Amino acid sequence: MKLSARELAALGKDHPLVRQLRAKGVLPSSGNSTATAKSGPVRGSPSKGEEEFVLQLRALRLPAPEREFRFHPNRAFRFDFAWPKLPCGRRLAVEIEGGIHSGGRHVRPQGYKRDLEKYNSAVALGWTLLRFSSSMVFNGEAVQVVQSWFLAGSASE
């Protein structure tokens, strides 16, 4: 598995994979390494949960998703992750919900309402939508559900 400098930076300096690469001498042990996290995520940049999810998908050799996929023909709605053209004809979207504990935009009235509009539109357009918290990503539950979804689809083909 090959990770870009951006992917390593998104993981942060305390991520187990980054620590392991430092211990093996692949990354510098101090200073301005590419794995040092910035002061915080920039709006629109991947969250740590999203980056972890991508690593887990790769580890299980699941199909690579499209990121920040715009799915609606008339609205600027985007999915964090999407598989829009699977051989089985099904379409999967995954959302990693942020701001749950910090009072982010998803839990404020306008953001919550917009999310509901987005999710309902997705289902009406024929998408399967799976939603996870970042803790569900880090404990492996999210990628297990996605893997099960793919396995169920391949069994019905």
Foldseek 3Di string as FASTA:
>chain_A
DDDDLLLLQQLACPRPVNVVCCVVVVWPPDDDTSNHHDPDDDVVDDHNLLSLLQVVCVVVVHDAWDAQDQDDPPDSDGARTKDCDDPLNAIEGEHADPDPVPVDLCPDPVNVVVVVVNVVVCVVVRHDYYYHYSVCSVVPNVVVVVVVVVVVSVVVD
